[in-house]
Amino acid sequence: MTIIEKIFCGNFSPIEKTPDSKEYIELNKQFNDLYKQLESELNEKQWETLENLLDINGAIDALMGAFRFEQGFKTGMRLRTECEE
């Protein structure tokens, strides 16, 4: 199946993959440990504020990820076009 067919059929989604590097795994562990620590230390209002902050940060991260993907794709297409000249 070609990449175009995979995209069309919904079988290709690069955003579902996560890095398997030691650095990513360690940072993810640190984040989860701190999250659990804050969960036990913050009162209800503080916890709600933190959750709102993390939701907004997640939305920003998603927008930036889509933007970077688009820019990278466009750059790749420009390089391909330039190489054919």
C-alpha atoms as a PDB file:
ATOM      1  CA  MET A   1       0.000   0.000   0.000  1.00  0.00           C
ATOM      2  CA  THR A   2       1.435   3.403  -0.958  1.00  0.00           C
ATOM      3  CA  ILE A   3       1.697   6.265   1.516  1.00  0.00           C
ATOM      4  CA  ILE A   4      -1.064   8.079  -0.389  1.00  0.00           C
ATOM      5  CA  GLU A   5      -3.334   5.048  -0.023  1.00  0.00           C
ATOM      6  CA  LYS A   6      -2.494   4.783   3.684  1.00  0.00           C
ATOM      7  CA  ILE A   7      -3.359   8.459   4.222  1.00  0.00           C
ATOM      8  CA  PHE A   8      -6.595   8.113   2.232  1.00  0.00           C
ATOM      9  CA  CYS A   9      -7.667   5.020   4.179  1.00  0.00           C
ATOM     10  CA  GLY A  10      -6.790   6.608   7.521  1.00  0.00           C
ATOM     11  CA  ASN A  11      -3.970   4.154   8.190  1.00  0.00           C
ATOM     12  CA  PHE A  12      -1.220   6.734   8.534  1.00  0.00           C
ATOM     13  CA  SER A  13      -0.997   9.128  11.439  1.00  0.00           C
ATOM     14  CA  PRO A  14       2.471  10.303  12.457  1.00  0.00           C
ATOM     15  CA  ILE A  15       1.063  12.128  15.498  1.00  0.00           C
ATOM     16  CA  GLU A  16       0.163   8.808  17.150  1.00  0.00           C
ATOM     17  CA  LYS A  17       3.816   7.843  17.468  1.00  0.00           C
ATOM     18  CA  THR A  18       6.040   8.948  20.322  1.00  0.00           C
ATOM     19  CA  PRO A  19       9.811   8.912  20.522  1.00  0.00           C
ATOM     20  CA  ASP A  20      11.339   5.858  22.156  1.00  0.00           C
ATOM     21  CA  SER A  21      14.566   7.611  23.092  1.00  0.00           C
ATOM     22  CA  LYS A  22      15.933   7.388  26.623  1.00  0.00           C
ATOM     23  CA  GLU A  23      15.705  11.183  26.885  1.00  0.00           C
ATOM     24  CA  TYR A  24      11.974  11.211  26.063  1.00  0.00           C
ATOM     25  CA  ILE A  25      11.246   8.342  28.435  1.00  0.00           C
ATOM     26  CA  GLU A  26      13.146  10.064  31.265  1.00  0.00           C
ATOM     27  CA  LEU A  27      11.477  13.443  30.686  1.00  0.00           C
ATOM     28  CA  ASN A  28       8.060  11.791  30.571  1.00  0.00           C
ATOM     29  CA  LYS A  29       8.790  10.015  33.863  1.00  0.00           C
ATOM     30  CA  GLN A  30       9.925  13.285  35.473  1.00  0.00           C
ATOM     31  CA  PHE A  31       6.751  15.014  34.266  1.00  0.00           C
ATOM     32  CA  ASN A  32       4.528  12.249  35.647  1.00  0.00           C
ATOM     33  CA  ASP A  33       6.350  12.225  38.992  1.00  0.00           C
ATOM     34  CA  LEU A  34       5.959  15.999  39.381  1.00  0.00           C
ATOM     35  CA  TYR A  35       2.322  15.801  38.282  1.00  0.00           C
ATOM     36  CA  LYS A  36       1.580  13.216  40.992  1.00  0.00           C
ATOM     37  CA  GLN A  37       3.458  15.305  43.567  1.00  0.00           C
ATOM     38  CA  LEU A  38       1.437  18.418  42.729  1.00  0.00           C
ATOM     39  CA  GLU A  39      -1.788  16.414  42.740  1.00  0.00           C
ATOM     40  CA  SER A  40      -1.210  15.572  46.386  1.00  0.00           C
ATOM     41  CA  GLU A  41       0.058  19.019  47.420  1.00  0.00           C
ATOM     42  CA  LEU A  42      -2.360  21.471  45.751  1.00  0.00           C
ATOM     43  CA  ASN A  43      -5.766  22.432  47.008  1.00  0.00           C
ATOM     44  CA  GLU A  44      -8.800  22.073  44.708  1.00  0.00           C
ATOM     45  CA  LYS A  45      -8.657  25.615  43.271  1.00  0.00           C
ATOM     46  CA  GLN A  46      -4.914  25.404  42.647  1.00  0.00           C
ATOM     47  CA  TRP A  47      -5.349  21.996  41.014  1.00  0.00           C
ATOM     48  CA  GLU A  48      -8.072  23.365  38.724  1.00  0.00           C
ATOM     49  CA  THR A  49      -5.811  26.274  37.744  1.00  0.00           C
ATOM     50  CA  LEU A  50      -2.973  23.862  36.975  1.00  0.00           C
ATOM     51  CA  GLU A  51      -5.275  21.653  34.885  1.00  0.00           C
ATOM     52  CA  ASN A  52      -6.443  24.706  32.904  1.00  0.00           C
ATOM     53  CA  LEU A  53      -2.842  25.763  32.343  1.00  0.00           C
ATOM     54  CA  LEU A  54      -1.906  22.282  31.118  1.00  0.00           C
ATOM     55  CA  ASP A  55      -4.953  22.170  28.810  1.00  0.00           C
ATOM     56  CA  ILE A  56      -3.996  25.508  27.253  1.00  0.00           C
ATOM     57  CA  ASN A  57      -0.376  24.398  26.928  1.00  0.00           C
ATOM     58  CA  GLY A  58      -1.526  21.187  25.245  1.00  0.00           C
ATOM     59  CA  ALA A  59      -3.632  23.160  22.768  1.00  0.00           C
ATOM     60  CA  ILE A  60      -0.694  25.445  21.998  1.00  0.00           C
ATOM     61  CA  ASP A  61       1.578  22.425  21.563  1.00  0.00           C
ATOM     62  CA  ALA A  62      -0.920  20.803  19.161  1.00  0.00           C
ATOM     63  CA  LEU A  63      -1.132  23.983  17.073  1.00  0.00           C
ATOM     64  CA  MET A  64       2.644  24.325  16.970  1.00  0.00           C
ATOM     65  CA  GLY A  65       3.045  20.650  16.050  1.00  0.00           C
ATOM     66  CA  ALA A  66       0.639  21.047  13.138  1.00  0.00           C
ATOM     67  CA  PHE A  67       2.404  24.244  12.049  1.00  0.00           C
ATOM     68  CA  ARG A  68       5.837  22.608  12.196  1.00  0.00           C
ATOM     69  CA  PHE A  69       4.570  19.581  10.284  1.00  0.00           C
ATOM     70  CA  GLU A  70       3.129  21.840   7.580  1.00  0.00           C
ATOM     71  CA  GLN A  71       6.318  23.891   7.343  1.00  0.00           C
ATOM     72  CA  GLY A  72       8.456  20.754   7.191  1.00  0.00           C
ATOM     73  CA  PHE A  73       6.258  19.263   4.495  1.00  0.00           C
ATOM     74  CA  LYS A  74       6.393  22.455   2.430  1.00  0.00           C
ATOM     75  CA  THR A  75      10.162  22.617   2.822  1.00  0.00           C
ATOM     76  CA  GLY A  76      10.463  18.993   1.716  1.00  0.00           C
ATOM     77  CA  MET A  77       8.341  19.685  -1.355  1.00  0.00           C
ATOM     78  CA  ARG A  78      10.449  22.739  -2.218  1.00  0.00           C
ATOM     79  CA  LEU A  79      13.609  20.650  -1.898  1.00  0.00           C
ATOM     80  CA  ARG A  80      12.118  17.966  -4.129  1.00  0.00           C
ATOM     81  CA  THR A  81      11.159  20.551  -6.748  1.00  0.00           C
ATOM     82  CA  GLU A  82      14.577  22.166  -6.564  1.00  0.00           C
ATOM     83  CA  CYS A  83      16.324  18.811  -6.979  1.00  0.00           C
ATOM     84  CA  GLU A  84      14.340  18.090 -10.131  1.00  0.00           C
ATOM     85  CA  GLU A  85      15.463  21.302 -11.808  1.00  0.00           C
END
